[in-house]
């Protein structure tokens, strides 16, 4: 069974809002540098900031929650919180070793703050995944609804 999609999308939306706020206000306090993922994605898409923000929102609110629901949910152990945090950590690893190098941030974010940026990113992805999991709930809730 899969979790209820409306709850998964709501969890993705909440996680994206909180993670984006953390990127804008918390990460600069930790790293001394802004972590503007929308700008990095926008640069990859022709230098258009709003296109980068739209892609960031679409990934966080729609794409990743659907991947979580249809691919990861049944494969991850634990409660909805644990499943979500583990999924967030998978996204973090992919960001650090695949996305950031493509976006100019370097392998393990070496060009945008190194270990502090990597740690700040991990915190954001854990919060994102946790909210996705907790708000998205479990499959048994979807069956009862």
C-alpha atoms as a PDB file:
ATOM      1  CA  UNK A   1       0.000   0.000   0.000  1.00  0.00           C
ATOM      2  CA  UNK A   2       1.021   3.590  -0.589  1.00  0.00           C
ATOM      3  CA  UNK A   3       0.463   6.657   1.603  1.00  0.00           C
ATOM      4  CA  UNK A   4      -2.333   9.076   0.744  1.00  0.00           C
ATOM      5  CA  UNK A   5      -1.092  11.365  -2.048  1.00  0.00           C
ATOM      6  CA  UNK A   6      -2.744  14.543  -0.768  1.00  0.00           C
ATOM      7  CA  UNK A   7      -0.906  14.112   2.541  1.00  0.00           C
ATOM      8  CA  UNK A   8       2.371  13.363   0.769  1.00  0.00           C
ATOM      9  CA  UNK A   9       2.054  16.521  -1.356  1.00  0.00           C
ATOM     10  CA  UNK A  10       1.199  18.528   1.782  1.00  0.00           C
ATOM     11  CA  UNK A  11       4.278  17.084   3.497  1.00  0.00           C
ATOM     12  CA  UNK A  12       6.424  17.984   0.501  1.00  0.00           C
ATOM     13  CA  UNK A  13       5.037  21.520   0.516  1.00  0.00           C
ATOM     14  CA  UNK A  14       5.688  21.972   4.241  1.00  0.00           C
ATOM     15  CA  UNK A  15       9.163  20.484   3.944  1.00  0.00           C
ATOM     16  CA  UNK A  16      10.006  22.683   0.957  1.00  0.00           C
ATOM     17  CA  UNK A  17       8.864  25.860   2.694  1.00  0.00           C
ATOM     18  CA  UNK A  18      10.844  25.091   5.856  1.00  0.00           C
ATOM     19  CA  UNK A  19      13.943  23.929   3.969  1.00  0.00           C
ATOM     20  CA  UNK A  20      13.862  27.026   1.746  1.00  0.00           C
ATOM     21  CA  UNK A  21      13.606  29.251   4.825  1.00  0.00           C
ATOM     22  CA  UNK A  22      16.541  27.396   6.376  1.00  0.00           C
ATOM     23  CA  UNK A  23      18.588  27.937   3.183  1.00  0.00           C
ATOM     24  CA  UNK A  24      17.847  31.647   3.233  1.00  0.00           C
ATOM     25  CA  UNK A  25      18.287  32.415   6.936  1.00  0.00           C
ATOM     26  CA  UNK A  26      19.942  29.556   8.851  1.00  0.00           C
ATOM     27  CA  UNK A  27      22.587  28.358   6.382  1.00  0.00           C
ATOM     28  CA  UNK A  28      24.209  31.809   5.982  1.00  0.00           C
ATOM     29  CA  UNK A  29      24.604  32.016   9.765  1.00  0.00           C
ATOM     30  CA  UNK A  30      26.332  28.623   9.767  1.00  0.00           C
ATOM     31  CA  UNK A  31      28.463  28.948   6.645  1.00  0.00           C
ATOM     32  CA  UNK A  32      28.870  32.687   6.160  1.00  0.00           C
ATOM     33  CA  UNK A  33      27.596  32.177   2.622  1.00  0.00           C
ATOM     34  CA  UNK A  34      24.103  32.191   1.137  1.00  0.00           C
ATOM     35  CA  UNK A  35      22.732  28.840  -0.030  1.00  0.00           C
ATOM     36  CA  UNK A  36      20.410  29.899  -2.806  1.00  0.00           C
ATOM     37  CA  UNK A  37      19.450  26.677  -4.547  1.00  0.00           C
ATOM     38  CA  UNK A  38      16.960  28.497  -6.769  1.00  0.00           C
ATOM     39  CA  UNK A  39      19.785  30.692  -8.085  1.00  0.00           C
ATOM     40  CA  UNK A  40      22.002  27.666  -8.704  1.00  0.00           C
ATOM     41  CA  UNK A  41      19.247  25.829 -10.576  1.00  0.00           C
ATOM     42  CA  UNK A  42      18.380  29.042 -12.425  1.00  0.00           C
ATOM     43  CA  UNK A  43      22.003  29.394 -13.537  1.00  0.00           C
ATOM     44  CA  UNK A  44      21.849  25.845 -14.892  1.00  0.00           C
ATOM     45  CA  UNK A  45      18.660  26.793 -16.772  1.00  0.00           C
ATOM     46  CA  UNK A  46      19.983  29.887 -18.519  1.00  0.00           C
ATOM     47  CA  UNK A  47      20.400  32.326 -15.651  1.00  0.00           C
ATOM     48  CA  UNK A  48      16.691  32.809 -14.935  1.00  0.00           C
ATOM     49  CA  UNK A  49      16.141  32.974 -11.170  1.00  0.00           C
ATOM     50  CA  UNK A  50      12.366  32.497 -11.288  1.00  0.00           C
ATOM     51  CA  UNK A  51      12.793  29.380 -13.426  1.00  0.00           C
ATOM     52  CA  UNK A  52      15.205  28.035 -10.814  1.00  0.00           C
ATOM     53  CA  UNK A  53      12.731  28.771  -8.022  1.00  0.00           C
ATOM     54  CA  UNK A  54       9.902  27.142  -9.973  1.00  0.00           C
ATOM     55  CA  UNK A  55      12.033  24.030 -10.498  1.00  0.00           C
ATOM     56  CA  UNK A  56      13.036  23.968  -6.802  1.00  0.00           C
ATOM     57  CA  UNK A  57       9.379  24.191  -5.742  1.00  0.00           C
ATOM     58  CA  UNK A  58       8.226  21.604  -8.293  1.00  0.00           C
ATOM     59  CA  UNK A  59      10.884  19.132  -7.167  1.00  0.00           C
ATOM     60  CA  UNK A  60      10.206  19.624  -3.462  1.00  0.00           C
ATOM     61  CA  UNK A  61       6.411  19.736  -3.606  1.00  0.00           C
ATOM     62  CA  UNK A  62       5.578  17.290  -6.398  1.00  0.00           C
ATOM     63  CA  UNK A  63       8.457  15.223  -7.804  1.00  0.00           C
ATOM     64  CA  UNK A  64      10.264  14.113  -4.636  1.00  0.00           C
ATOM     65  CA  UNK A  65       7.032  13.364  -2.709  1.00  0.00           C
ATOM     66  CA  UNK A  66       5.824  11.188  -5.599  1.00  0.00           C
ATOM     67  CA  UNK A  67       9.168   9.357  -5.712  1.00  0.00           C
ATOM     68  CA  UNK A  68       8.897   8.905  -1.943  1.00  0.00           C
ATOM     69  CA  UNK A  69       5.345   7.541  -2.188  1.00  0.00           C
ATOM     70  CA  UNK A  70       5.790   5.250  -5.182  1.00  0.00           C
ATOM     71  CA  UNK A  71       9.439   4.158  -4.969  1.00  0.00           C
ATOM     72  CA  UNK A  72      10.872   4.651  -1.490  1.00  0.00           C
ATOM     73  CA  UNK A  73       7.991   4.268   0.984  1.00  0.00           C
ATOM     74  CA  UNK A  74       7.728   0.465   0.811  1.00  0.00           C
ATOM     75  CA  UNK A  75      11.505   0.025   0.766  1.00  0.00           C
ATOM     76  CA  UNK A  76      12.429   2.143   3.783  1.00  0.00           C
ATOM     77  CA  UNK A  77      12.242   0.763   7.332  1.00  0.00           C
ATOM     78  CA  UNK A  78      10.619   2.333  10.344  1.00  0.00           C
ATOM     79  CA  UNK A  79       7.908   4.779  11.219  1.00  0.00           C
ATOM     80  CA  UNK A  80       6.808   7.538   8.820  1.00  0.00           C
ATOM     81  CA  UNK A  81       9.271   9.902  10.530  1.00  0.00           C
ATOM     82  CA  UNK A  82      12.181   7.476  10.096  1.00  0.00           C
ATOM     83  CA  UNK A  83      11.201   6.724   6.480  1.00  0.00           C
ATOM     84  CA  UNK A  84      11.045  10.437   5.714  1.00  0.00           C
ATOM     85  CA  UNK A  85      14.375  11.224   7.369  1.00  0.00           C
ATOM     86  CA  UNK A  86      16.062   8.361   5.512  1.00  0.00           C
ATOM     87  CA  UNK A  87      14.573   9.617   2.235  1.00  0.00           C
ATOM     88  CA  UNK A  88      15.826  13.114   3.041  1.00  0.00           C
ATOM     89  CA  UNK A  89      19.305  11.719   3.635  1.00  0.00           C
ATOM     90  CA  UNK A  90      19.211   9.941   0.253  1.00  0.00           C
ATOM     91  CA  UNK A  91      18.293  13.268  -1.385  1.00  0.00           C
ATOM     92  CA  UNK A  92      21.124  14.963   0.520  1.00  0.00           C
ATOM     93  CA  UNK A  93      23.720  12.468  -0.720  1.00  0.00           C
ATOM     94  CA  UNK A  94      22.462  12.853  -4.290  1.00  0.00           C
ATOM     95  CA  UNK A  95      22.633  16.641  -3.966  1.00  0.00           C
ATOM     96  CA  UNK A  96      26.163  16.557  -2.551  1.00  0.00           C
ATOM     97  CA  UNK A  97      27.674  14.150  -5.064  1.00  0.00           C
ATOM     98  CA  UNK A  98      25.646  14.740  -8.243  1.00  0.00           C
ATOM     99  CA  UNK A  99      23.671  17.998  -8.263  1.00  0.00           C
ATOM    100  CA  UNK A 100      26.150  20.346  -6.577  1.00  0.00           C
ATOM    101  CA  UNK A 101      29.067  19.435  -8.849  1.00  0.00           C
ATOM    102  CA  UNK A 102      26.817  20.013 -11.889  1.00  0.00           C
ATOM    103  CA  UNK A 103      25.689  23.367 -10.480  1.00  0.00           C
ATOM    104  CA  UNK A 104      29.213  24.583  -9.741  1.00  0.00           C
ATOM    105  CA  UNK A 105      29.015  23.949  -5.998  1.00  0.00           C
ATOM    106  CA  UNK A 106      31.704  21.282  -6.148  1.00  0.00           C
ATOM    107  CA  UNK A 107      31.807  17.690  -4.929  1.00  0.00           C
ATOM    108  CA  UNK A 108      30.483  17.570  -1.355  1.00  0.00           C
ATOM    109  CA  UNK A 109      29.816  21.324  -1.702  1.00  0.00           C
ATOM    110  CA  UNK A 110      33.530  22.117  -1.652  1.00  0.00           C
ATOM    111  CA  UNK A 111      33.065  25.349  -3.648  1.00  0.00           C
ATOM    112  CA  UNK A 112      30.239  26.770  -1.526  1.00  0.00           C
ATOM    113  CA  UNK A 113      31.414  26.400   2.049  1.00  0.00           C
ATOM    114  CA  UNK A 114      32.774  22.867   2.345  1.00  0.00           C
ATOM    115  CA  UNK A 115      31.945  20.915   5.493  1.00  0.00           C
ATOM    116  CA  UNK A 116      29.770  23.642   7.009  1.00  0.00           C
ATOM    117  CA  UNK A 117      27.677  23.844   3.827  1.00  0.00           C
ATOM    118  CA  UNK A 118      27.483  20.052   3.720  1.00  0.00           C
ATOM    119  CA  UNK A 119      26.278  19.978   7.344  1.00  0.00           C
ATOM    120  CA  UNK A 120      23.753  22.787   6.746  1.00  0.00           C
ATOM    121  CA  UNK A 121      22.461  20.947   3.687  1.00  0.00           C
ATOM    122  CA  UNK A 122      22.146  17.720   5.700  1.00  0.00           C
ATOM    123  CA  UNK A 123      20.087  19.537   8.334  1.00  0.00           C
ATOM    124  CA  UNK A 124      17.781  20.969   5.668  1.00  0.00           C
ATOM    125  CA  UNK A 125      17.280  17.610   3.977  1.00  0.00           C
ATOM    126  CA  UNK A 126      16.605  15.872   7.299  1.00  0.00           C
ATOM    127  CA  UNK A 127      13.961  18.460   8.174  1.00  0.00           C
ATOM    128  CA  UNK A 128      12.460  18.190   4.671  1.00  0.00           C
ATOM    129  CA  UNK A 129      12.289  14.393   4.858  1.00  0.00           C
ATOM    130  CA  UNK A 130      10.985  14.397   8.405  1.00  0.00           C
ATOM    131  CA  UNK A 131       8.119  16.721   7.520  1.00  0.00           C
ATOM    132  CA  UNK A 132       7.399  14.726   4.365  1.00  0.00           C
ATOM    133  CA  UNK A 133       7.218  11.511   6.387  1.00  0.00           C
ATOM    134  CA  UNK A 134       5.279  12.816   9.387  1.00  0.00           C
ATOM    135  CA  UNK A 135       2.700  14.805   7.422  1.00  0.00           C
ATOM    136  CA  UNK A 136       2.499  12.143   4.720  1.00  0.00           C
ATOM    137  CA  UNK A 137       1.802   9.512   7.349  1.00  0.00           C
ATOM    138  CA  UNK A 138       1.691   5.773   6.845  1.00  0.00           C
ATOM    139  CA  UNK A 139       0.009   3.435   4.418  1.00  0.00           C
ATOM    140  CA  UNK A 140      -2.379   2.153   7.070  1.00  0.00           C
ATOM    141  CA  UNK A 141      -3.865   5.654   7.376  1.00  0.00           C
ATOM    142  CA  UNK A 142      -4.492   5.764   3.626  1.00  0.00           C
ATOM    143  CA  UNK A 143      -6.260   2.389   3.772  1.00  0.00           C
ATOM    144  CA  UNK A 144      -8.539   3.547   6.579  1.00  0.00           C
ATOM    145  CA  UNK A 145      -9.492   6.813   4.837  1.00  0.00           C
END
